[in-house]
Amino acid sequence: MRYGFLIDNRKCIGCHSCTVACKTENRVPLGVNRTWVKYVEKGKFPQARRVFQVTRCNHCEKPPCVEICPVRAMFQRRDGIVDFNPDQCIGCKACMQACPYDAIYLDPMRNTTAKCHFCAHRVEVGLQPACVAVCPEQAIITGDLDDPASEIASLVGREPVRVRKPEQGTRPKLYYIDADESAIVPTAARHEAFYMWAQRNTRVHGGGAAYMPDSPLLQKNALAAYDVAHARPWNWFVPLYCWLKSLGSGVLAVPAISVAFGWLSVSPTRDAVLASIALVFTAATLLALVADLSRPERFLRVMTSPQTESWLSRGSYILGVYSVLVGVFWLGAIIRLPLLASLLLWPTVVSGFCAAGYTAFLFGQCEGRDLWQTPLLPVHFVLQALLSSAAVLALLPASLGGTDHTRSTAAEALALFLILHVLILMGEIAMPHATDNAVYAARLLTRGMCRNWFWIGAVGLGALLPLLLLWLAPPNAVVTAISGVLALAGLYVYEWCFVMAGQLVPNS
């Protein structure tokens, strides 16, 4: 059994009965929607026309929201319905990032995620979903796609149908007859400040998505006359979390590599200081992760009832292992047990690389944000950890192990990793992108609302300026320290731009 939806746009009149019925049946709060109708007006008078699109959860056969959920709050039933358990949700909002269709929202009353669940409570007693029951034109058809005698299976097999974003590989079970490109493709129609009966939501910047007037993806004479806004799920806490994790996970790496190659000598004082920094920033990473949850009191469920396919759950364990290794390494350095510190150094560094890199796989599970799907991201996160390590080493005072030789080594490492950082950064935006979503996000990053922060902050002041200082200025402690501070600041600006640009692309 595979329950699915079919929207027959030949019949839909855009009356919003389905939206109202869904809100009433499921007590959906104001400001969020499980079902909504989008209006797009096409052409020029007198050859203009209006098209409608009923939008909701696609109940995918391979639902990315289920895979990414760290606590099994999102789950797929045997009948194909993708359901959710608000009592289990921790409010990480990862499922919202994983959904390519903007179908999941954060319930403002419960602070947990929610979405269309096919009116499962009605289906289980033989009733139709509320939206189907009230549709005056019978434009919404549901049923078992595996039953050849069902109306939906007959229509899907007989009529030319299409689904939204088939390139994502989610195999959605929401089909459209006579779907119009201007409505079904989120970036095809332009959006203005006013809709037919409403203004765009100004509580979130751009109504949660940015529509570039000069985008090559826009269709000529296609205007969104009515739509609903979707807030960006992740705010500045997530870039901060990535930045803090780069510092906490990589701070021991450059000294360890330098000692291994004979560029630096062993220093228990330096090891103790760097291990202390690693512990502080790893703890701060965990605090930032918890602070971003809308239900932070449920955080321990990530550890006690994990969904092991989720990289958010896996990452929590990786961070835990790294924290333990850093703690024991710190203890060995503090009480002057060189054998213990020596034995634990490389396991700690390697686990730090794992802690730095796992976020790339978490971002990879965010199917709704194609900018984050770059294959360079795991390498880039590890590189950011190395860059942070070199910057911290450059800032160490002499009393804490920052000798002239240490600073010289740090400056060389910082210059190397800044160059590699810029190269990978340019590669991420210049490489051919597989989807329009990724193309649009890269354009927003480099030419849209993020452009000044990206080019001036992340690239100019955060990478090129410290490189010029290290290359042209006299090599001394002040120049090296300023370069390290600029590099760290630029790294945070880049994290912010990368996270925000990916979320600004409209998904519905």
Protein backbone atom coordinates (compact mmCIF):
# COMPACT_ATOMS: atom_id res chain seq x y z
CA MET A 1 0.00 0.00 0.00
CA ARG A 2 1.28 3.45 -0.96
CA TYR A 3 -0.99 6.36 -0.24
CA GLY A 4 -0.53 9.38 -2.51
CA PHE A 5 -2.07 12.68 -3.63
CA LEU A 6 -3.07 13.85 -7.09
CA ILE A 7 -3.91 17.50 -7.84
CA ASP A 8 -5.92 17.97 -11.04
CA ASN A 9 -5.16 21.55 -12.09
CA ARG A 10 -7.73 21.29 -14.86
CA LYS A 11 -10.37 21.49 -12.12
CA CYS A 12 -8.78 23.56 -9.35
CA ILE A 13 -10.40 27.01 -8.96
CA GLY A 14 -8.10 28.32 -6.22
CA CYS A 15 -10.88 28.63 -3.63
CA HIS A 16 -8.67 27.76 -0.61
CA SER A 17 -11.24 25.32 0.76
CA CYS A 18 -8.46 22.77 1.22
CA THR A 19 -6.37 25.26 3.22
CA VAL A 20 -9.26 26.18 5.52
CA ALA A 21 -10.34 22.56 6.00
CA CYS A 22 -6.78 21.52 6.83
CA LYS A 23 -6.38 24.31 9.36
CA THR A 24 -9.72 23.51 10.99
CA GLU A 25 -9.29 19.73 11.08
CA ASN A 26 -5.73 19.80 12.41
CA ARG A 27 -5.90 23.03 14.46
CA VAL A 28 -3.05 24.59 12.51
CA PRO A 29 -2.06 27.95 14.08
CA LEU A 30 -2.17 31.24 12.19
CA GLY A 31 0.96 32.11 10.26
CA VAL A 32 1.81 28.54 9.22
CA ASN A 33 0.20 26.10 6.78
CA ARG A 34 0.08 22.41 6.01
CA THR A 35 -1.75 23.07 2.75
CA TRP A 36 -1.75 26.32 0.80
CA VAL A 37 -2.65 27.52 -2.69
CA LYS A 38 -0.21 29.53 -4.79
CA TYR A 39 -1.48 31.87 -7.52
CA VAL A 40 0.65 32.80 -10.53
CA GLU A 41 -0.50 35.20 -13.23
CA LYS A 42 1.03 34.76 -16.68
CA GLY A 43 1.13 36.71 -19.92
CA LYS A 44 0.10 40.25 -20.81
CA PHE A 45 -3.35 41.71 -21.12
CA PRO A 46 -5.51 40.67 -22.86
CA GLN A 47 -3.84 37.25 -23.12
CA ALA A 48 -3.21 36.90 -19.36
CA ARG A 49 -4.32 33.92 -17.31
CA ARG A 50 -4.05 32.69 -13.74
CA VAL A 51 -2.80 29.28 -12.65
CA PHE A 52 -3.08 27.62 -9.24
CA GLN A 53 -0.92 25.19 -7.35
CA VAL A 54 -2.00 23.34 -4.23
CA THR A 55 1.11 22.72 -2.17
CA ARG A 56 1.73 20.39 0.76
CA CYS A 57 3.88 17.49 1.96
CA ASN A 58 4.74 15.12 -0.87
CA HIS A 59 4.86 11.98 1.34
CA CYS A 60 8.00 10.91 -0.48
CA GLU A 61 8.93 7.29 -0.92
CA LYS A 62 12.45 8.24 0.20
CA PRO A 63 11.67 11.02 2.68
CA PRO A 64 14.82 13.00 3.58
CA CYS A 65 13.08 14.45 6.64
CA VAL A 66 12.90 10.96 8.16
CA GLU A 67 16.57 10.22 7.47
CA ILE A 68 17.85 13.44 9.01
CA CYS A 69 15.64 13.50 12.12
CA PRO A 70 17.96 12.62 15.05
CA VAL A 71 15.21 11.38 17.41
CA ARG A 72 12.72 9.55 15.13
CA ALA A 73 10.12 12.30 15.47
CA MET A 74 9.58 12.05 11.70
CA PHE A 75 8.73 8.55 10.54
CA GLN A 76 7.28 6.71 7.56
CA ARG A 77 4.34 4.39 8.09
CA ARG A 78 3.89 1.10 6.29
CA ASP A 79 1.15 2.63 4.15
CA GLY A 80 3.59 5.25 2.84
CA ILE A 81 2.29 8.18 4.91
CA VAL A 82 5.10 10.29 6.38
CA ASP A 83 3.93 11.16 9.88
CA PHE A 84 5.44 12.96 12.86
CA ASN A 85 5.43 12.72 16.65
CA PRO A 86 5.52 16.19 18.25
CA ASP A 87 6.07 14.69 21.69
CA GLN A 88 9.44 13.34 20.53
CA CYS A 89 10.62 16.38 18.53
CA ILE A 90 13.54 18.41 19.92
CA GLY A 91 13.04 21.32 17.53
CA CYS A 92 16.38 21.05 15.71
CA LYS A 93 14.63 22.08 12.46
CA ALA A 94 16.86 19.75 10.45
CA CYS A 95 13.78 18.18 8.82
CA MET A 96 12.77 21.62 7.54
CA GLN A 97 16.17 21.92 5.84
CA ALA A 98 15.89 18.40 4.44
CA CYS A 99 12.50 19.00 2.83
CA PRO A 100 12.88 20.31 -0.75
CA TYR A 101 9.22 21.43 -0.78
CA ASP A 102 8.82 23.82 2.18
CA ALA A 103 6.24 21.41 3.56
CA ILE A 104 7.42 21.40 7.20
CA TYR A 105 6.93 24.28 9.60
CA LEU A 106 7.70 25.09 13.21
CA ASP A 107 4.49 25.08 15.23
CA PRO A 108 4.47 28.38 17.16
CA MET A 109 2.30 26.88 19.90
CA ARG A 110 4.30 23.72 20.62
CA ASN A 111 7.74 24.76 19.31
CA THR A 112 7.97 21.48 17.43
CA THR A 113 7.86 20.77 13.71
CA ALA A 114 4.66 19.73 11.99
CA LYS A 115 3.27 19.15 8.49
CA CYS A 116 0.54 17.44 6.49
CA HIS A 117 0.12 13.89 7.81
CA PHE A 118 -2.49 12.83 5.27
CA CYS A 119 -5.17 13.23 7.97
CA ALA A 120 -4.01 9.80 9.14
CA HIS A 121 -6.59 9.84 11.95
CA ARG A 122 -9.33 10.03 9.32
CA VAL A 123 -7.77 7.59 6.86
CA GLU A 124 -7.47 4.95 9.60
CA VAL A 125 -11.27 4.95 10.08
CA GLY A 126 -12.08 4.91 6.36
CA LEU A 127 -12.59 8.65 5.83
CA GLN A 128 -10.95 10.89 3.25
CA PRO A 129 -8.48 13.61 4.26
CA ALA A 130 -10.29 16.85 5.13
CA CYS A 131 -8.98 18.68 2.04
CA VAL A 132 -10.39 15.99 -0.25
CA ALA A 133 -13.76 15.97 1.47
CA VAL A 134 -14.33 19.71 1.03
CA CYS A 135 -12.91 20.30 -2.47
CA PRO A 136 -15.95 21.51 -4.50
CA GLU A 137 -14.40 20.49 -7.83
CA GLN A 138 -12.96 17.13 -6.74
CA ALA A 139 -9.57 18.41 -7.84
CA ILE A 140 -7.76 16.54 -5.05
CA ILE A 141 -7.67 12.76 -5.38
CA THR A 142 -6.11 10.39 -2.85
CA GLY A 143 -5.79 6.67 -2.59
CA ASP A 144 -3.54 3.66 -2.89
CA LEU A 145 -1.12 4.00 -5.79
CA ASP A 146 -0.51 0.24 -5.67
CA ASP A 147 -4.20 -0.53 -6.24
CA PRO A 148 -4.79 -0.53 -10.04
CA ALA A 149 -8.53 -0.18 -9.42
CA SER A 150 -8.15 3.08 -7.47
CA GLU A 151 -8.95 6.40 -9.16
CA ILE A 152 -5.53 7.87 -8.37
CA ALA A 153 -3.65 4.91 -9.83
CA SER A 154 -5.82 5.09 -12.96
CA LEU A 155 -5.21 8.82 -13.44
CA VAL A 156 -1.48 8.62 -12.77
CA GLY A 157 -1.21 5.80 -15.27
CA ARG A 158 -3.40 7.45 -17.91
CA GLU A 159 -2.69 11.19 -17.72
CA PRO A 160 0.57 13.09 -18.21
CA VAL A 161 1.53 13.94 -14.63
CA ARG A 162 4.58 15.54 -13.07
CA VAL A 163 6.03 15.95 -9.60
CA ARG A 164 7.99 18.75 -8.00
CA LYS A 165 11.80 18.58 -8.03
CA PRO A 166 12.24 14.99 -9.27
CA GLU A 167 16.00 15.65 -9.45
CA GLN A 168 16.18 15.43 -5.64
CA GLY A 169 15.59 11.68 -5.78
CA THR A 170 12.95 11.75 -3.03
CA ARG A 171 10.33 10.05 -5.28
CA PRO A 172 7.41 12.27 -4.20
CA LYS A 173 3.88 10.88 -4.19
CA LEU A 174 2.15 14.21 -4.84
CA TYR A 175 1.31 14.30 -8.55
CA TYR A 176 -0.01 17.17 -10.66
CA ILE A 177 -2.07 17.05 -13.84
CA ASP A 178 -1.60 20.07 -16.10
CA ALA A 179 1.05 21.61 -13.83
CA ASP A 180 2.34 24.95 -15.08
CA GLU A 181 6.08 25.57 -15.07
CA SER A 182 5.68 29.06 -13.63
CA ALA A 183 3.95 27.69 -10.53
CA ILE A 184 5.66 24.37 -9.99
CA VAL A 185 9.20 25.80 -10.24
CA PRO A 186 9.77 28.08 -7.23
CA THR A 187 12.17 30.48 -8.94
CA ALA A 188 10.15 30.88 -12.16
CA ALA A 189 7.74 33.64 -11.10
CA ARG A 190 8.72 37.02 -9.71
CA HIS A 191 7.44 38.12 -6.30
CA GLU A 192 6.70 41.71 -5.38
CA ALA A 193 6.06 43.42 -2.03
CA PHE A 194 2.27 42.98 -2.37
CA TYR A 195 0.21 39.94 -3.20
CA MET A 196 -3.41 39.98 -4.30
CA TRP A 197 -4.83 39.98 -0.77
CA ALA A 198 -1.77 40.32 1.40
CA GLN A 199 1.70 41.72 1.88
CA ARG A 200 4.74 39.50 1.92
CA ASN A 201 5.68 38.54 5.46
CA THR A 202 8.17 41.10 6.77
CA ARG A 203 8.74 39.32 10.08
CA VAL A 204 11.41 37.29 8.34
CA HIS A 205 13.68 38.95 5.82
CA GLY A 206 12.28 38.61 2.33
CA GLY A 207 9.48 36.41 3.56
CA GLY A 208 12.02 33.66 4.13
CA ALA A 209 13.20 33.59 0.51
CA ALA A 210 14.92 35.99 -1.86
CA TYR A 211 13.64 36.58 -5.39
CA MET A 212 16.29 38.24 -7.55
CA PRO A 213 14.80 40.52 -10.22
CA ASP A 214 17.73 39.85 -12.55
CA SER A 215 17.71 36.09 -12.11
CA PRO A 216 18.06 34.17 -15.39
CA LEU A 217 15.63 31.59 -13.99
CA LEU A 218 12.68 33.99 -13.97
CA GLN A 219 10.06 33.51 -16.68
CA LYS A 220 8.96 36.58 -18.59
CA ASN A 221 5.56 37.94 -17.54
CA ALA A 222 5.06 35.46 -14.70
CA LEU A 223 4.00 37.09 -11.40
CA ALA A 224 3.18 35.35 -8.11
CA ALA A 225 -0.16 36.91 -7.19
CA TYR A 226 -0.59 35.00 -3.93
CA ASP A 227 1.69 32.80 -1.85
CA VAL A 228 2.67 32.16 1.77
CA ALA A 229 5.98 32.94 3.45
CA HIS A 230 8.38 30.44 5.00
CA ALA A 231 10.87 31.55 7.64
CA ARG A 232 14.52 30.49 7.47
CA PRO A 233 14.85 27.56 9.91
CA TRP A 234 18.43 28.23 11.03
CA ASN A 235 19.63 31.60 12.28
CA TRP A 236 23.05 32.87 13.38
CA PHE A 237 23.43 30.07 15.96
CA VAL A 238 24.29 27.53 13.23
CA PRO A 239 27.12 29.59 11.67
CA LEU A 240 28.37 30.23 15.20
CA TYR A 241 28.20 26.50 15.92
CA CYS A 242 30.26 25.73 12.78
CA TRP A 243 32.82 28.41 13.68
CA LEU A 244 33.17 27.33 17.29
CA LYS A 245 33.50 23.71 16.20
CA SER A 246 36.32 24.61 13.80
CA LEU A 247 38.20 26.18 16.70
CA GLY A 248 37.46 23.45 19.20
CA SER A 249 38.12 20.48 16.93
CA GLY A 250 41.23 21.67 15.11
CA VAL A 251 43.27 23.61 17.63
CA LEU A 252 45.73 20.79 18.31
CA ALA A 253 46.21 19.81 14.67
CA VAL A 254 48.88 22.24 13.40
CA PRO A 255 51.14 21.81 16.46
CA ALA A 256 50.82 18.02 16.19
CA ILE A 257 51.72 18.04 12.49
CA SER A 258 54.59 20.46 13.13
CA VAL A 259 56.04 18.29 15.90
CA ALA A 260 55.68 15.17 13.74
CA PHE A 261 57.75 16.82 10.96
CA GLY A 262 60.26 18.30 13.35
CA TRP A 263 59.22 21.91 12.74
CA LEU A 264 58.34 22.42 16.42
CA SER A 265 59.57 20.86 19.63
CA VAL A 266 57.28 19.28 22.21
CA SER A 267 55.95 21.80 24.76
CA PRO A 268 53.80 20.55 27.68
CA THR A 269 52.78 24.15 28.43
CA ARG A 270 51.60 24.75 24.89
CA ASP A 271 49.78 21.42 24.84
CA ALA A 272 47.97 22.21 28.09
CA VAL A 273 46.92 25.66 26.87
CA LEU A 274 45.70 24.38 23.48
CA ALA A 275 43.85 21.47 25.09
CA SER A 276 42.15 23.97 27.43
CA ILE A 277 41.11 26.05 24.41
CA ALA A 278 39.81 22.91 22.70
CA LEU A 279 37.68 22.01 25.74
CA VAL A 280 36.29 25.53 26.09
CA PHE A 281 35.32 25.86 22.41
CA THR A 282 33.94 22.32 22.19
CA ALA A 283 31.74 23.06 25.19
CA ALA A 284 30.69 26.32 23.52
CA THR A 285 29.89 24.33 20.35
CA LEU A 286 27.53 22.10 22.30
CA LEU A 287 25.91 25.13 23.94
CA ALA A 288 25.34 26.75 20.54
CA LEU A 289 23.85 23.50 19.24
CA VAL A 290 21.45 23.27 22.19
CA ALA A 291 20.61 26.99 22.07
CA ASP A 292 19.37 26.64 18.49
CA LEU A 293 16.82 23.99 19.49
CA SER A 294 13.25 25.18 19.97
CA ARG A 295 12.86 22.47 22.64
CA PRO A 296 16.33 22.50 24.28
CA GLU A 297 15.10 20.62 27.35
CA ARG A 298 14.79 17.52 25.15
CA PHE A 299 18.37 17.62 23.86
CA LEU A 300 19.48 14.43 25.62
CA ARG A 301 17.09 12.44 23.43
CA VAL A 302 19.73 12.74 20.70
CA MET A 303 21.87 10.45 22.86
CA THR A 304 19.20 8.34 24.59
CA SER A 305 16.91 7.60 21.63
CA PRO A 306 18.96 8.33 18.53
CA GLN A 307 18.04 7.74 14.91
CA THR A 308 21.36 6.37 13.73
CA GLU A 309 20.96 7.41 10.07
CA SER A 310 20.97 11.08 11.09
CA TRP A 311 24.33 12.85 11.01
CA LEU A 312 23.06 15.14 13.74
CA SER A 313 22.80 12.10 15.99
CA ARG A 314 26.09 10.62 14.79
CA GLY A 315 27.80 13.97 15.24
CA SER A 316 26.70 14.18 18.86
CA TYR A 317 28.53 10.93 19.55
CA ILE A 318 31.59 12.07 17.57
CA LEU A 319 31.73 15.28 19.59
CA GLY A 320 31.35 13.25 22.77
CA VAL A 321 34.26 10.96 21.90
CA TYR A 322 36.41 13.94 20.94
CA SER A 323 35.56 15.73 24.20
CA VAL A 324 36.62 12.71 26.25
CA LEU A 325 39.91 12.35 24.37
CA VAL A 326 40.68 16.06 24.70
CA GLY A 327 39.86 15.92 28.40
CA VAL A 328 42.22 13.02 29.06
CA PHE A 329 44.91 14.63 26.88
CA TRP A 330 44.53 17.87 28.84
CA LEU A 331 44.84 15.97 32.11
CA GLY A 332 48.03 14.29 30.87
CA ALA A 333 49.48 17.66 29.88
CA ILE A 334 48.50 19.34 33.16
CA ILE A 335 49.93 16.70 35.49
CA ARG A 336 52.98 16.25 33.27
CA LEU A 337 52.49 12.72 32.04
CA PRO A 338 54.29 12.97 28.68
CA LEU A 339 53.67 9.32 27.78
CA LEU A 340 49.87 9.70 28.18
CA ALA A 341 49.86 12.94 26.21
CA SER A 342 52.00 11.40 23.48
CA LEU A 343 49.78 8.33 23.18
CA LEU A 344 46.58 10.38 22.99
CA LEU A 345 47.76 13.21 20.74
CA TRP A 346 47.07 11.66 17.35
CA PRO A 347 43.81 9.88 18.32
CA THR A 348 42.65 13.26 19.61
CA VAL A 349 43.70 15.07 16.42
CA VAL A 350 42.05 12.47 14.17
CA SER A 351 38.83 12.51 16.18
CA GLY A 352 38.98 16.31 15.93
CA PHE A 353 39.07 16.03 12.14
CA CYS A 354 36.02 13.76 12.35
CA ALA A 355 34.27 16.30 14.59
CA ALA A 356 35.10 19.06 12.10
CA GLY A 357 34.03 17.10 9.02
CA TYR A 358 30.81 15.40 10.10
CA THR A 359 28.81 18.62 9.66
CA ALA A 360 29.42 18.38 5.93
CA PHE A 361 27.47 15.10 5.89
CA LEU A 362 24.73 16.67 8.01
CA PHE A 363 24.48 19.49 5.47
CA GLY A 364 24.50 16.82 2.76
CA GLN A 365 21.30 15.38 4.26
CA CYS A 366 19.62 18.79 3.85
CA GLU A 367 18.08 17.96 0.49
CA GLY A 368 16.24 21.27 0.37
CA ARG A 369 19.50 23.27 0.31
CA ASP A 370 21.43 22.32 -2.81
CA LEU A 371 24.24 24.83 -2.18
CA TRP A 372 25.26 22.65 0.76
CA GLN A 373 25.54 19.51 -1.38
CA THR A 374 29.02 20.33 -2.73
CA PRO A 375 31.46 17.37 -2.63
CA LEU A 376 34.18 19.79 -1.48
CA LEU A 377 32.42 20.48 1.82
CA PRO A 378 33.98 17.68 3.97
CA VAL A 379 37.47 18.75 2.89
CA HIS A 380 36.59 22.38 3.45
CA PHE A 381 35.39 21.81 7.02
CA VAL A 382 38.61 19.97 7.91
CA LEU A 383 40.60 22.76 6.24
CA GLN A 384 38.70 25.34 8.29
CA ALA A 385 39.73 23.45 11.43
CA LEU A 386 43.38 23.58 10.33
CA LEU A 387 43.04 27.28 9.50
CA SER A 388 41.60 27.93 12.96
CA SER A 389 44.44 25.95 14.54
CA ALA A 390 47.06 28.04 12.76
CA ALA A 391 45.29 31.27 13.74
CA VAL A 392 45.09 30.29 17.41
CA LEU A 393 48.75 29.24 17.40
CA ALA A 394 49.63 32.65 15.94
CA LEU A 395 47.87 34.34 18.87
CA LEU A 396 49.64 32.44 21.66
CA PRO A 397 51.76 34.75 23.89
CA ALA A 398 55.29 33.75 24.82
CA SER A 399 54.24 32.91 28.40
CA LEU A 400 51.88 30.22 27.06
CA GLY A 401 54.26 28.58 24.61
CA GLY A 402 54.08 31.09 21.77
CA THR A 403 57.80 31.44 21.03
CA ASP A 404 59.17 33.28 18.00
CA HIS A 405 59.73 29.95 16.27
CA THR A 406 56.16 28.90 17.08
CA ARG A 407 54.77 32.14 15.63
CA SER A 408 56.89 31.74 12.50
CA THR A 409 55.55 28.22 11.98
CA ALA A 410 52.00 29.45 12.66
CA ALA A 411 52.38 32.26 10.12
CA GLU A 412 53.51 29.86 7.39
CA ALA A 413 50.68 27.45 8.17
CA LEU A 414 48.16 30.29 8.28
CA ALA A 415 49.24 31.55 4.87
CA LEU A 416 49.06 28.05 3.38
CA PHE A 417 45.60 27.31 4.74
CA LEU A 418 44.25 30.74 3.76
CA ILE A 419 45.32 30.09 0.18
CA LEU A 420 43.68 26.64 0.21
CA HIS A 421 40.58 28.10 1.87
CA VAL A 422 40.18 30.70 -0.88
CA LEU A 423 40.76 28.12 -3.61
CA ILE A 424 38.14 25.74 -2.24
CA LEU A 425 35.77 28.64 -1.56
CA MET A 426 36.06 29.77 -5.18
CA GLY A 427 35.71 26.18 -6.35
CA GLU A 428 32.45 25.80 -4.43
CA ILE A 429 30.83 28.76 -6.17
CA ALA A 430 32.45 28.42 -9.60
CA MET A 431 32.04 24.67 -10.13
CA PRO A 432 29.11 23.53 -12.34
CA HIS A 433 26.01 23.13 -10.20
CA ALA A 434 23.72 20.18 -10.72
CA THR A 435 20.41 21.95 -10.00
CA ASP A 436 18.77 25.35 -10.48
CA ASN A 437 18.48 25.55 -6.69
CA ALA A 438 22.26 25.44 -6.31
CA VAL A 439 22.79 27.90 -9.18
CA TYR A 440 20.36 30.33 -7.58
CA ALA A 441 22.00 30.00 -4.14
CA ALA A 442 25.48 30.59 -5.57
CA ARG A 443 24.13 33.68 -7.32
CA LEU A 444 22.63 34.94 -4.05
CA LEU A 445 25.97 34.35 -2.34
CA THR A 446 28.03 36.27 -4.88
CA ARG A 447 25.57 38.77 -6.39
CA GLY A 448 22.56 38.87 -4.08
CA MET A 449 21.96 40.11 -0.56
CA CYS A 450 25.00 38.23 0.82
CA ARG A 451 27.46 39.64 -1.69
CA ASN A 452 29.00 42.45 0.43
CA TRP A 453 29.51 40.21 3.44
CA PHE A 454 30.95 37.50 1.21
CA TRP A 455 33.31 39.52 -0.99
CA ILE A 456 34.33 42.21 1.50
CA GLY A 457 34.12 40.30 4.77
CA ALA A 458 34.88 36.66 4.03
CA VAL A 459 37.16 37.01 1.00
CA GLY A 460 38.66 40.50 1.27
CA LEU A 461 39.18 41.25 4.96
CA GLY A 462 39.08 37.63 6.11
CA ALA A 463 41.44 36.01 3.59
CA LEU A 464 43.22 38.33 1.15
CA LEU A 465 44.15 41.04 3.68
CA PRO A 466 45.80 38.64 6.17
CA LEU A 467 47.60 36.99 3.25
CA LEU A 468 48.95 40.38 2.15
CA LEU A 469 50.00 41.20 5.71
CA LEU A 470 51.86 37.91 6.08
CA TRP A 471 53.52 38.40 2.70
CA LEU A 472 54.38 42.11 2.72
CA ALA A 473 54.57 43.27 6.34
CA PRO A 474 57.64 42.66 8.55
CA PRO A 475 57.33 39.26 10.24
CA ASN A 476 56.61 40.06 13.90
CA ALA A 477 54.20 39.09 16.65
CA VAL A 478 51.77 41.96 15.98
CA VAL A 479 51.41 41.26 12.25
CA THR A 480 50.95 37.53 12.86
CA ALA A 481 48.36 38.15 15.58
CA ILE A 482 46.38 40.61 13.44
CA SER A 483 46.42 38.13 10.56
CA GLY A 484 45.13 35.40 12.86
CA VAL A 485 42.28 37.58 14.17
CA LEU A 486 41.28 38.63 10.64
CA ALA A 487 41.33 35.03 9.44
CA LEU A 488 39.09 33.88 12.30
CA ALA A 489 36.67 36.78 11.78
CA GLY A 490 36.56 36.12 8.04
CA LEU A 491 35.87 32.46 8.68
CA TYR A 492 32.81 33.30 10.76
CA VAL A 493 31.54 35.71 8.09
CA TYR A 494 31.94 32.97 5.48
CA GLU A 495 30.03 30.46 7.63
CA TRP A 496 27.20 32.98 7.99
CA CYS A 497 27.07 33.71 4.26
CA PHE A 498 27.16 30.02 3.33
CA VAL A 499 24.39 29.04 5.74
CA MET A 500 22.15 32.00 4.93
CA ALA A 501 22.55 31.92 1.13
CA GLY A 502 21.54 28.27 1.07
CA GLN A 503 18.34 29.09 2.95
CA LEU A 504 17.35 32.10 0.87
CA VAL A 505 16.44 30.01 -2.18
CA PRO A 506 12.66 29.62 -2.43
CA ASN A 507 11.53 26.00 -2.23
CA SER A 508 7.83 26.51 -2.99
